[in-house]
Amino acid sequence: AFVAEFSRGKTELINALFFAETGVRL
């Protein structure tokens, strides 16, 4: 579970950890 206030880069962190191989900001 990823928890944060807005604008902390949480969703970007999920993209970087798990979905980078798609080549896009999924």
mmCIF file of all heavy atoms, coordinates in Angstrom:
data_MODEL
# 
_entry.id   MODEL 
# 
loop_
_atom_site.group_PDB 
_atom_site.id 
_atom_site.type_symbol 
_atom_site.label_atom_id 
_atom_site.label_alt_id 
_atom_site.label_comp_id 
_atom_site.label_asym_id 
_atom_site.label_entity_id 
_atom_site.label_seq_id 
_atom_site.pdbx_PDB_ins_code 
_atom_site.Cartn_x 
_atom_site.Cartn_y 
_atom_site.Cartn_z 
_atom_site.occupancy 
_atom_site.B_iso_or_equiv 
_atom_site.pdbx_formal_charge 
_atom_site.auth_seq_id 
_atom_site.auth_comp_id 
_atom_site.auth_asym_id 
_atom_site.auth_atom_id 
_atom_site.pdbx_PDB_model_num 
ATOM 1   N N   . ALA A 1 1  ? 0.844  -1.198 0.000   1.00 0.00 ? 1  ALA A N   1 
ATOM 2   C CA  . ALA A 1 1  ? 0.000  0.000  0.000   1.00 0.00 ? 1  ALA A CA  1 
ATOM 3   C C   . ALA A 1 1  ? 0.879  1.247  0.000   1.00 0.00 ? 1  ALA A C   1 
ATOM 4   O O   . ALA A 1 1  ? 1.782  1.382  0.838   1.00 0.00 ? 1  ALA A O   1 
ATOM 5   C CB  . ALA A 1 1  ? -0.923 -0.008 1.218   1.00 0.00 ? 1  ALA A CB  1 
ATOM 6   N N   . PHE A 1 2  ? 0.605  2.145  -0.917  1.00 0.00 ? 2  PHE A N   1 
ATOM 7   C CA  . PHE A 1 2  ? 1.342  3.415  -1.015  1.00 0.00 ? 2  PHE A CA  1 
ATOM 8   C C   . PHE A 1 2  ? 0.409  4.541  -0.564  1.00 0.00 ? 2  PHE A C   1 
ATOM 9   O O   . PHE A 1 2  ? -0.684 4.716  -1.120  1.00 0.00 ? 2  PHE A O   1 
ATOM 10  C CB  . PHE A 1 2  ? 1.811  3.641  -2.449  1.00 0.00 ? 2  PHE A CB  1 
ATOM 11  C CG  . PHE A 1 2  ? 2.894  2.697  -2.878  1.00 0.00 ? 2  PHE A CG  1 
ATOM 12  C CD1 . PHE A 1 2  ? 2.587  1.396  -3.262  1.00 0.00 ? 2  PHE A CD1 1 
ATOM 13  C CD2 . PHE A 1 2  ? 4.222  3.088  -2.873  1.00 0.00 ? 2  PHE A CD2 1 
ATOM 14  C CE1 . PHE A 1 2  ? 3.579  0.510  -3.646  1.00 0.00 ? 2  PHE A CE1 1 
ATOM 15  C CE2 . PHE A 1 2  ? 5.227  2.205  -3.249  1.00 0.00 ? 2  PHE A CE2 1 
ATOM 16  C CZ  . PHE A 1 2  ? 4.901  0.912  -3.638  1.00 0.00 ? 2  PHE A CZ  1 
ATOM 17  N N   . VAL A 1 3  ? 0.859  5.266  0.449   1.00 0.00 ? 3  VAL A N   1 
ATOM 18  C CA  . VAL A 1 3  ? 0.025  6.292  1.077   1.00 0.00 ? 3  VAL A CA  1 
ATOM 19  C C   . VAL A 1 3  ? 0.777  7.618  1.082   1.00 0.00 ? 3  VAL A C   1 
ATOM 20  O O   . VAL A 1 3  ? 1.963  7.666  1.417   1.00 0.00 ? 3  VAL A O   1 
ATOM 21  C CB  . VAL A 1 3  ? -0.340 5.899  2.527   1.00 0.00 ? 3  VAL A CB  1 
ATOM 22  C CG1 . VAL A 1 3  ? -1.250 6.939  3.155   1.00 0.00 ? 3  VAL A CG1 1 
ATOM 23  C CG2 . VAL A 1 3  ? -0.983 4.518  2.569   1.00 0.00 ? 3  VAL A CG2 1 
ATOM 24  N N   . ALA A 1 4  ? 0.083  8.688  0.708   1.00 0.00 ? 4  ALA A N   1 
ATOM 25  C CA  . ALA A 1 4  ? 0.727  10.009 0.722   1.00 0.00 ? 4  ALA A CA  1 
ATOM 26  C C   . ALA A 1 4  ? -0.313 11.090 0.501   1.00 0.00 ? 4  ALA A C   1 
ATOM 27  O O   . ALA A 1 4  ? -1.411 10.829 -0.002  1.00 0.00 ? 4  ALA A O   1 
ATOM 28  C CB  . ALA A 1 4  ? 1.797  10.093 -0.364  1.00 0.00 ? 4  ALA A CB  1 
ATOM 29  N N   . GLU A 1 5  ? 0.046  12.307 0.878   1.00 0.00 ? 5  GLU A N   1 
ATOM 30  C CA  . GLU A 1 5  ? -0.742 13.461 0.499   1.00 0.00 ? 5  GLU A CA  1 
ATOM 31  C C   . GLU A 1 5  ? -0.517 13.720 -0.990  1.00 0.00 ? 5  GLU A C   1 
ATOM 32  O O   . GLU A 1 5  ? 0.352  13.113 -1.628  1.00 0.00 ? 5  GLU A O   1 
ATOM 33  C CB  . GLU A 1 5  ? -0.310 14.681 1.330   1.00 0.00 ? 5  GLU A CB  1 
ATOM 34  C CG  . GLU A 1 5  ? -1.176 14.912 2.557   1.00 0.00 ? 5  GLU A CG  1 
ATOM 35  C CD  . GLU A 1 5  ? -2.587 15.384 2.198   1.00 0.00 ? 5  GLU A CD  1 
ATOM 36  O OE1 . GLU A 1 5  ? -3.123 15.001 1.143   1.00 0.00 ? 5  GLU A OE1 1 
ATOM 37  O OE2 . GLU A 1 5  ? -3.170 16.131 2.985   1.00 0.00 ? 5  GLU A OE2 1 
ATOM 38  N N   . PHE A 1 6  ? -1.292 14.647 -1.545  1.00 0.00 ? 6  PHE A N   1 
ATOM 39  C CA  . PHE A 1 6  ? -1.140 14.976 -2.960  1.00 0.00 ? 6  PHE A CA  1 
ATOM 40  C C   . PHE A 1 6  ? 0.244  15.577 -3.237  1.00 0.00 ? 6  PHE A C   1 
ATOM 41  O O   . PHE A 1 6  ? 0.850  16.209 -2.366  1.00 0.00 ? 6  PHE A O   1 
ATOM 42  C CB  . PHE A 1 6  ? -2.232 15.955 -3.392  1.00 0.00 ? 6  PHE A CB  1 
ATOM 43  C CG  . PHE A 1 6  ? -3.594 15.324 -3.418  1.00 0.00 ? 6  PHE A CG  1 
ATOM 44  C CD1 . PHE A 1 6  ? -4.571 15.701 -2.506  1.00 0.00 ? 6  PHE A CD1 1 
ATOM 45  C CD2 . PHE A 1 6  ? -3.908 14.352 -4.360  1.00 0.00 ? 6  PHE A CD2 1 
ATOM 46  C CE1 . PHE A 1 6  ? -5.825 15.121 -2.528  1.00 0.00 ? 6  PHE A CE1 1 
ATOM 47  C CE2 . PHE A 1 6  ? -5.161 13.771 -4.389  1.00 0.00 ? 6  PHE A CE2 1 
ATOM 48  C CZ  . PHE A 1 6  ? -6.118 14.153 -3.472  1.00 0.00 ? 6  PHE A CZ  1 
ATOM 49  N N   . SER A 1 7  ? 0.703  15.349 -4.465  1.00 0.00 ? 7  SER A N   1 
ATOM 50  C CA  . SER A 1 7  ? 1.939  15.956 -4.976  1.00 0.00 ? 7  SER A CA  1 
ATOM 51  C C   . SER A 1 7  ? 3.194  15.515 -4.231  1.00 0.00 ? 7  SER A C   1 
ATOM 52  O O   . SER A 1 7  ? 4.136  16.284 -4.069  1.00 0.00 ? 7  SER A O   1 
ATOM 53  C CB  . SER A 1 7  ? 1.833  17.496 -4.920  1.00 0.00 ? 7  SER A CB  1 
ATOM 54  O OG  . SER A 1 7  ? 0.751  17.929 -5.700  1.00 0.00 ? 7  SER A OG  1 
ATOM 55  N N   . ARG A 1 8  ? 3.202  14.263 -3.775  1.00 0.00 ? 8  ARG A N   1 
ATOM 56  C CA  . ARG A 1 8  ? 4.411  13.727 -3.151  1.00 0.00 ? 8  ARG A CA  1 
ATOM 57  C C   . ARG A 1 8  ? 5.156  12.787 -4.105  1.00 0.00 ? 8  ARG A C   1 
ATOM 58  O O   . ARG A 1 8  ? 6.186  12.244 -3.747  1.00 0.00 ? 8  ARG A O   1 
ATOM 59  C CB  . ARG A 1 8  ? 4.070  12.965 -1.853  1.00 0.00 ? 8  ARG A CB  1 
ATOM 60  C CG  . ARG A 1 8  ? 3.350  13.793 -0.784  1.00 0.00 ? 8  ARG A CG  1 
ATOM 61  C CD  . ARG A 1 8  ? 4.196  14.944 -0.286  1.00 0.00 ? 8  ARG A CD  1 
ATOM 62  N NE  . ARG A 1 8  ? 3.608  15.616 0.853   1.00 0.00 ? 8  ARG A NE  1 
ATOM 63  C CZ  . ARG A 1 8  ? 2.871  16.716 0.783   1.00 0.00 ? 8  ARG A CZ  1 
ATOM 64  N NH1 . ARG A 1 8  ? 2.629  17.265 -0.412  1.00 0.00 ? 8  ARG A NH1 1 
ATOM 65  N NH2 . ARG A 1 8  ? 2.372  17.281 1.867   1.00 0.00 ? 8  ARG A NH2 1 
ATOM 66  N N   . GLY A 1 9  ? 4.604  12.582 -5.304  1.00 0.00 ? 9  GLY A N   1 
ATOM 67  C CA  . GLY A 1 9  ? 5.258  11.705 -6.275  1.00 0.00 ? 9  GLY A CA  1 
ATOM 68  C C   . GLY A 1 9  ? 5.004  10.233 -6.031  1.00 0.00 ? 9  GLY A C   1 
ATOM 69  O O   . GLY A 1 9  ? 5.778  9.376  -6.478  1.00 0.00 ? 9  GLY A O   1 
ATOM 70  N N   . LYS A 1 10 ? 3.907  9.921  -5.356  1.00 0.00 ? 10 LYS A N   1 
ATOM 71  C CA  . LYS A 1 10 ? 3.601  8.533  -4.995  1.00 0.00 ? 10 LYS A CA  1 
ATOM 72  C C   . LYS A 1 10 ? 3.347  7.667  -6.221  1.00 0.00 ? 10 LYS A C   1 
ATOM 73  O O   . LYS A 1 10 ? 3.901  6.558  -6.350  1.00 0.00 ? 10 LYS A O   1 
ATOM 74  C CB  . LYS A 1 10 ? 2.387  8.530  -4.054  1.00 0.00 ? 10 LYS A CB  1 
ATOM 75  C CG  . LYS A 1 10 ? 1.735  7.180  -3.825  1.00 0.00 ? 10 LYS A CG  1 
ATOM 76  C CD  . LYS A 1 10 ? 0.614  7.293  -2.820  1.00 0.00 ? 10 LYS A CD  1 
ATOM 77  C CE  . LYS A 1 10 ? -0.363 8.397  -3.134  1.00 0.00 ? 10 LYS A CE  1 
ATOM 78  N NZ  . LYS A 1 10 ? -1.060 8.225  -4.397  1.00 0.00 ? 10 LYS A NZ  1 
ATOM 79  N N   . THR A 1 11 ? 2.504  8.147  -7.148  1.00 0.00 ? 11 THR A N   1 
ATOM 80  C CA  . THR A 1 11 ? 2.180  7.359  -8.338  1.00 0.00 ? 11 THR A CA  1 
ATOM 81  C C   . THR A 1 11 ? 3.407  7.217  -9.247  1.00 0.00 ? 11 THR A C   1 
ATOM 82  O O   . THR A 1 11 ? 3.623  6.176  -9.858  1.00 0.00 ? 11 THR A O   1 
ATOM 83  C CB  . THR A 1 11 ? 1.010  8.006  -9.103  1.00 0.00 ? 11 THR A CB  1 
ATOM 84  O OG1 . THR A 1 11 ? -0.090 8.197  -8.200  1.00 0.00 ? 11 THR A OG1 1 
ATOM 85  C CG2 . THR A 1 11 ? 0.558  7.121  -10.242 1.00 0.00 ? 11 THR A CG2 1 
ATOM 86  N N   . GLU A 1 12 ? 4.220  8.252  -9.311  1.00 0.00 ? 12 GLU A N   1 
ATOM 87  C CA  . GLU A 1 12 ? 5.469  8.164  -10.074 1.00 0.00 ? 12 GLU A CA  1 
ATOM 88  C C   . GLU A 1 12 ? 6.376  7.095  -9.469  1.00 0.00 ? 12 GLU A C   1 
ATOM 89  O O   . GLU A 1 12 ? 7.065  6.359  -10.197 1.00 0.00 ? 12 GLU A O   1 
ATOM 90  C CB  . GLU A 1 12 ? 6.182  9.523  -10.068 1.00 0.00 ? 12 GLU A CB  1 
ATOM 91  C CG  . GLU A 1 12 ? 7.417  9.576  -10.938 1.00 0.00 ? 12 GLU A CG  1 
ATOM 92  C CD  . GLU A 1 12 ? 7.088  9.791  -12.411 1.00 0.00 ? 12 GLU A CD  1 
ATOM 93  O OE1 . GLU A 1 12 ? 5.998  9.367  -12.878 1.00 0.00 ? 12 GLU A OE1 1 
ATOM 94  O OE2 . GLU A 1 12 ? 7.917  10.385 -13.107 1.00 0.00 ? 12 GLU A OE2 1 
ATOM 95  N N   . LEU A 1 13 ? 6.365  6.985  -8.147  1.00 0.00 ? 13 LEU A N   1 
ATOM 96  C CA  . LEU A 1 13 ? 7.163  5.965  -7.470  1.00 0.00 ? 13 LEU A CA  1 
ATOM 97  C C   . LEU A 1 13 ? 6.693  4.565  -7.863  1.00 0.00 ? 13 LEU A C   1 
ATOM 98  O O   . LEU A 1 13 ? 7.509  3.673  -8.122  1.00 0.00 ? 13 LEU A O   1 
ATOM 99  C CB  . LEU A 1 13 ? 7.069  6.155  -5.947  1.00 0.00 ? 13 LEU A CB  1 
ATOM 100 C CG  . LEU A 1 13 ? 7.826  5.144  -5.084  1.00 0.00 ? 13 LEU A CG  1 
ATOM 101 C CD1 . LEU A 1 13 ? 9.329  5.239  -5.336  1.00 0.00 ? 13 LEU A CD1 1 
ATOM 102 C CD2 . LEU A 1 13 ? 7.517  5.374  -3.609  1.00 0.00 ? 13 LEU A CD2 1 
ATOM 103 N N   . ILE A 1 14 ? 5.383  4.383  -7.937  1.00 0.00 ? 14 ILE A N   1 
ATOM 104 C CA  . ILE A 1 14 ? 4.831  3.085  -8.351  1.00 0.00 ? 14 ILE A CA  1 
ATOM 105 C C   . ILE A 1 14 ? 5.240  2.775  -9.790  1.00 0.00 ? 14 ILE A C   1 
ATOM 106 O O   . ILE A 1 14 ? 5.632  1.645  -10.111 1.00 0.00 ? 14 ILE A O   1 
ATOM 107 C CB  . ILE A 1 14 ? 3.294  3.081  -8.199  1.00 0.00 ? 14 ILE A CB  1 
ATOM 108 C CG1 . ILE A 1 14 ? 2.907  3.197  -6.721  1.00 0.00 ? 14 ILE A CG1 1 
ATOM 109 C CG2 . ILE A 1 14 ? 2.681  1.822  -8.810  1.00 0.00 ? 14 ILE A CG2 1 
ATOM 110 C CD1 . ILE A 1 14 ? 1.431  3.386  -6.473  1.00 0.00 ? 14 ILE A CD1 1 
ATOM 111 N N   . ASN A 1 15 ? 5.158  3.777  -10.659 1.00 0.00 ? 15 ASN A N   1 
ATOM 112 C CA  . ASN A 1 15 ? 5.610  3.588  -12.046 1.00 0.00 ? 15 ASN A CA  1 
ATOM 113 C C   . ASN A 1 15 ? 7.074  3.168  -12.106 1.00 0.00 ? 15 ASN A C   1 
ATOM 114 O O   . ASN A 1 15 ? 7.456  2.261  -12.852 1.00 0.00 ? 15 ASN A O   1 
ATOM 115 C CB  . ASN A 1 15 ? 5.427  4.888  -12.840 1.00 0.00 ? 15 ASN A CB  1 
ATOM 116 C CG  . ASN A 1 15 ? 3.995  5.100  -13.290 1.00 0.00 ? 15 ASN A CG  1 
ATOM 117 O OD1 . ASN A 1 15 ? 3.286  4.157  -13.614 1.00 0.00 ? 15 ASN A OD1 1 
ATOM 118 N ND2 . ASN A 1 15 ? 3.557  6.357  -13.303 1.00 0.00 ? 15 ASN A ND2 1 
ATOM 119 N N   . ALA A 1 16 ? 7.906  3.837  -11.311 1.00 0.00 ? 16 ALA A N   1 
ATOM 120 C CA  . ALA A 1 16 ? 9.346  3.563  -11.340 1.00 0.00 ? 16 ALA A CA  1 
ATOM 121 C C   . ALA A 1 16 ? 9.670  2.181  -10.782 1.00 0.00 ? 16 ALA A C   1 
ATOM 122 O O   . ALA A 1 16 ? 10.549 1.482  -11.304 1.00 0.00 ? 16 ALA A O   1 
ATOM 123 C CB  . ALA A 1 16 ? 10.096 4.632  -10.539 1.00 0.00 ? 16 ALA A CB  1 
ATOM 124 N N   . LEU A 1 17 ? 8.962  1.772  -9.736  1.00 0.00 ? 17 LEU A N   1 
ATOM 125 C CA  . LEU A 1 17 ? 9.252  0.491  -9.097  1.00 0.00 ? 17 LEU A CA  1 
ATOM 126 C C   . LEU A 1 17 ? 8.794  -0.697 -9.932  1.00 0.00 ? 17 LEU A C   1 
ATOM 127 O O   . LEU A 1 17 ? 9.484  -1.720 -10.008 1.00 0.00 ? 17 LEU A O   1 
ATOM 128 C CB  . LEU A 1 17 ? 8.584  0.431  -7.712  1.00 0.00 ? 17 LEU A CB  1 
ATOM 129 C CG  . LEU A 1 17 ? 9.209  1.268  -6.597  1.00 0.00 ? 17 LEU A CG  1 
ATOM 130 C CD1 . LEU A 1 17 ? 8.308  1.285  -5.377  1.00 0.00 ? 17 LEU A CD1 1 
ATOM 131 C CD2 . LEU A 1 17 ? 10.593 0.735  -6.223  1.00 0.00 ? 17 LEU A CD2 1 
ATOM 132 N N   . PHE A 1 18 ? 7.624  -0.576 -10.560 1.00 0.00 ? 18 PHE A N   1 
ATOM 133 C CA  . PHE A 1 18 ? 6.988  -1.762 -11.126 1.00 0.00 ? 18 PHE A CA  1 
ATOM 134 C C   . PHE A 1 18 ? 6.715  -1.733 -12.631 1.00 0.00 ? 18 PHE A C   1 
ATOM 135 O O   . PHE A 1 18 ? 6.612  -2.791 -13.251 1.00 0.00 ? 18 PHE A O   1 
ATOM 136 C CB  . PHE A 1 18 ? 5.665  -2.030 -10.398 1.00 0.00 ? 18 PHE A CB  1 
ATOM 137 C CG  . PHE A 1 18 ? 5.800  -2.102 -8.909  1.00 0.00 ? 18 PHE A CG  1 
ATOM 138 C CD1 . PHE A 1 18 ? 5.229  -1.141 -8.091  1.00 0.00 ? 18 PHE A CD1 1 
ATOM 139 C CD2 . PHE A 1 18 ? 6.530  -3.125 -8.318  1.00 0.00 ? 18 PHE A CD2 1 
ATOM 140 C CE1 . PHE A 1 18 ? 5.354  -1.207 -6.714  1.00 0.00 ? 18 PHE A CE1 1 
ATOM 141 C CE2 . PHE A 1 18 ? 6.672  -3.196 -6.940  1.00 0.00 ? 18 PHE A CE2 1 
ATOM 142 C CZ  . PHE A 1 18 ? 6.087  -2.234 -6.137  1.00 0.00 ? 18 PHE A CZ  1 
ATOM 143 N N   . PHE A 1 19 ? 6.574  -0.553 -13.232 1.00 0.00 ? 19 PHE A N   1 
ATOM 144 C CA  . PHE A 1 19 ? 6.080  -0.514 -14.606 1.00 0.00 ? 19 PHE A CA  1 
ATOM 145 C C   . PHE A 1 19 ? 7.014  0.201  -15.585 1.00 0.00 ? 19 PHE A C   1 
ATOM 146 O O   . PHE A 1 19 ? 6.600  0.617  -16.660 1.00 0.00 ? 19 PHE A O   1 
ATOM 147 C CB  . PHE A 1 19 ? 4.696  0.157  -14.640 1.00 0.00 ? 19 PHE A CB  1 
ATOM 148 C CG  . PHE A 1 19 ? 3.702  -0.506 -13.724 1.00 0.00 ? 19 PHE A CG  1 
ATOM 149 C CD1 . PHE A 1 19 ? 2.989  0.244  -12.798 1.00 0.00 ? 19 PHE A CD1 1 
ATOM 150 C CD2 . PHE A 1 19 ? 3.484  -1.872 -13.777 1.00 0.00 ? 19 PHE A CD2 1 
ATOM 151 C CE1 . PHE A 1 19 ? 2.072  -0.364 -11.942 1.00 0.00 ? 19 PHE A CE1 1 
ATOM 152 C CE2 . PHE A 1 19 ? 2.576  -2.485 -12.935 1.00 0.00 ? 19 PHE A CE2 1 
ATOM 153 C CZ  . PHE A 1 19 ? 1.868  -1.737 -12.008 1.00 0.00 ? 19 PHE A CZ  1 
ATOM 154 N N   . ALA A 1 20 ? 8.281  0.324  -15.219 1.00 0.00 ? 20 ALA A N   1 
ATOM 155 C CA  . ALA A 1 20 ? 9.232  1.039  -16.080 1.00 0.00 ? 20 ALA A CA  1 
ATOM 156 C C   . ALA A 1 20 ? 9.435  0.324  -17.411 1.00 0.00 ? 20 ALA A C   1 
ATOM 157 O O   . ALA A 1 20 ? 9.701  0.967  -18.436 1.00 0.00 ? 20 ALA A O   1 
ATOM 158 C CB  . ALA A 1 20 ? 10.572 1.206  -15.361 1.00 0.00 ? 20 ALA A CB  1 
ATOM 159 N N   . GLU A 1 21 ? 9.308  -1.016 -17.431 1.00 0.00 ? 21 GLU A N   1 
ATOM 160 C CA  . GLU A 1 21 ? 9.587  -1.758 -18.664 1.00 0.00 ? 21 GLU A CA  1 
ATOM 161 C C   . GLU A 1 21 ? 8.570  -1.488 -19.767 1.00 0.00 ? 21 GLU A C   1 
ATOM 162 O O   . GLU A 1 21 ? 8.803  -1.835 -20.932 1.00 0.00 ? 21 GLU A O   1 
ATOM 163 C CB  . GLU A 1 21 ? 9.667  -3.274 -18.372 1.00 0.00 ? 21 GLU A CB  1 
ATOM 164 C CG  . GLU A 1 21 ? 8.338  -3.969 -18.185 1.00 0.00 ? 21 GLU A CG  1 
ATOM 165 C CD  . GLU A 1 21 ? 7.764  -3.745 -16.796 1.00 0.00 ? 21 GLU A CD  1 
ATOM 166 O OE1 . GLU A 1 21 ? 8.434  -3.098 -15.971 1.00 0.00 ? 21 GLU A OE1 1 
ATOM 167 O OE2 . GLU A 1 21 ? 6.651  -4.211 -16.543 1.00 0.00 ? 21 GLU A OE2 1 
ATOM 168 N N   . THR A 1 22 ? 7.437  -0.836 -19.437 1.00 0.00 ? 22 THR A N   1 
ATOM 169 C CA  . THR A 1 22 ? 6.464  -0.483 -20.475 1.00 0.00 ? 22 THR A CA  1 
ATOM 170 C C   . THR A 1 22 ? 6.991  0.646  -21.354 1.00 0.00 ? 22 THR A C   1 
ATOM 171 O O   . THR A 1 22 ? 6.497  0.870  -22.460 1.00 0.00 ? 22 THR A O   1 
ATOM 172 C CB  . THR A 1 22 ? 5.126  -0.046 -19.855 1.00 0.00 ? 22 THR A CB  1 
ATOM 173 O OG1 . THR A 1 22 ? 5.325  1.136  -19.059 1.00 0.00 ? 22 THR A OG1 1 
ATOM 174 C CG2 . THR A 1 22 ? 4.540  -1.152 -18.981 1.00 0.00 ? 22 THR A CG2 1 
ATOM 175 N N   . GLY A 1 23 ? 7.981  1.375  -20.824 1.00 0.00 ? 23 GLY A N   1 
ATOM 176 C CA  . GLY A 1 23 ? 8.570  2.465  -21.599 1.00 0.00 ? 23 GLY A CA  1 
ATOM 177 C C   . GLY A 1 23 ? 7.770  3.745  -21.559 1.00 0.00 ? 23 GLY A C   1 
ATOM 178 O O   . GLY A 1 23 ? 8.141  4.741  -22.196 1.00 0.00 ? 23 GLY A O   1 
ATOM 179 N N   . VAL A 1 24 ? 6.659  3.740  -20.801 1.00 0.00 ? 24 VAL A N   1 
ATOM 180 C CA  . VAL A 1 24 ? 5.824  4.940  -20.690 1.00 0.00 ? 24 VAL A CA  1 
ATOM 181 C C   . VAL A 1 24 ? 5.470  5.153  -19.224 1.00 0.00 ? 24 VAL A C   1 
ATOM 182 O O   . VAL A 1 24 ? 5.671  4.278  -18.382 1.00 0.00 ? 24 VAL A O   1 
ATOM 183 C CB  . VAL A 1 24 ? 4.515  4.816  -21.521 1.00 0.00 ? 24 VAL A CB  1 
ATOM 184 C CG1 . VAL A 1 24 ? 4.821  4.695  -22.999 1.00 0.00 ? 24 VAL A CG1 1 
ATOM 185 C CG2 . VAL A 1 24 ? 3.661  3.649  -21.035 1.00 0.00 ? 24 VAL A CG2 1 
ATOM 186 N N   . ARG A 1 25 ? 4.924  6.330  -18.941 1.00 0.00 ? 25 ARG A N   1 
ATOM 187 C CA  . ARG A 1 25 ? 4.427  6.620  -17.598 1.00 0.00 ? 25 ARG A CA  1 
ATOM 188 C C   . ARG A 1 25 ? 3.019  6.020  -17.530 1.00 0.00 ? 25 ARG A C   1 
ATOM 189 O O   . ARG A 1 25 ? 2.029  6.682  -17.817 1.00 0.00 ? 25 ARG A O   1 
ATOM 190 C CB  . ARG A 1 25 ? 4.425  8.134  -17.391 1.00 0.00 ? 25 ARG A CB  1 
ATOM 191 C CG  . ARG A 1 25 ? 4.273  8.565  -15.970 1.00 0.00 ? 25 ARG A CG  1 
ATOM 192 C CD  . ARG A 1 25 ? 4.506  10.054 -15.807 1.00 0.00 ? 25 ARG A CD  1 
ATOM 193 N NE  . ARG A 1 25 ? 5.866  10.377 -15.409 1.00 0.00 ? 25 ARG A NE  1 
ATOM 194 C CZ  . ARG A 1 25 ? 6.735  11.036 -16.148 1.00 0.00 ? 25 ARG A CZ  1 
ATOM 195 N NH1 . ARG A 1 25 ? 6.414  11.428 -17.362 1.00 0.00 ? 25 ARG A NH1 1 
ATOM 196 N NH2 . ARG A 1 25 ? 7.948  11.296 -15.699 1.00 0.00 ? 25 ARG A NH2 1 
ATOM 197 N N   . LEU A 1 26 ? 2.953  4.731  -17.146 1.00 0.00 ? 26 LEU A N   1 
ATOM 198 C CA  . LEU A 1 26 ? 1.705  3.968  -17.275 1.00 0.00 ? 26 LEU A CA  1 
ATOM 199 C C   . LEU A 1 26 ? 0.578  4.568  -16.438 1.00 0.00 ? 26 LEU A C   1 
ATOM 200 O O   . LEU A 1 26 ? -0.512 4.838  -16.947 1.00 0.00 ? 26 LEU A O   1 
ATOM 201 C CB  . LEU A 1 26 ? 1.945  2.510  -16.872 1.00 0.00 ? 26 LEU A CB  1 
ATOM 202 C CG  . LEU A 1 26 ? 0.874  1.509  -17.296 1.00 0.00 ? 26 LEU A CG  1 
ATOM 203 C CD1 . LEU A 1 26 ? 0.755  1.459  -18.810 1.00 0.00 ? 26 LEU A CD1 1 
ATOM 204 C CD2 . LEU A 1 26 ? 1.194  0.114  -16.750 1.00 0.00 ? 26 LEU A CD2 1 
# 
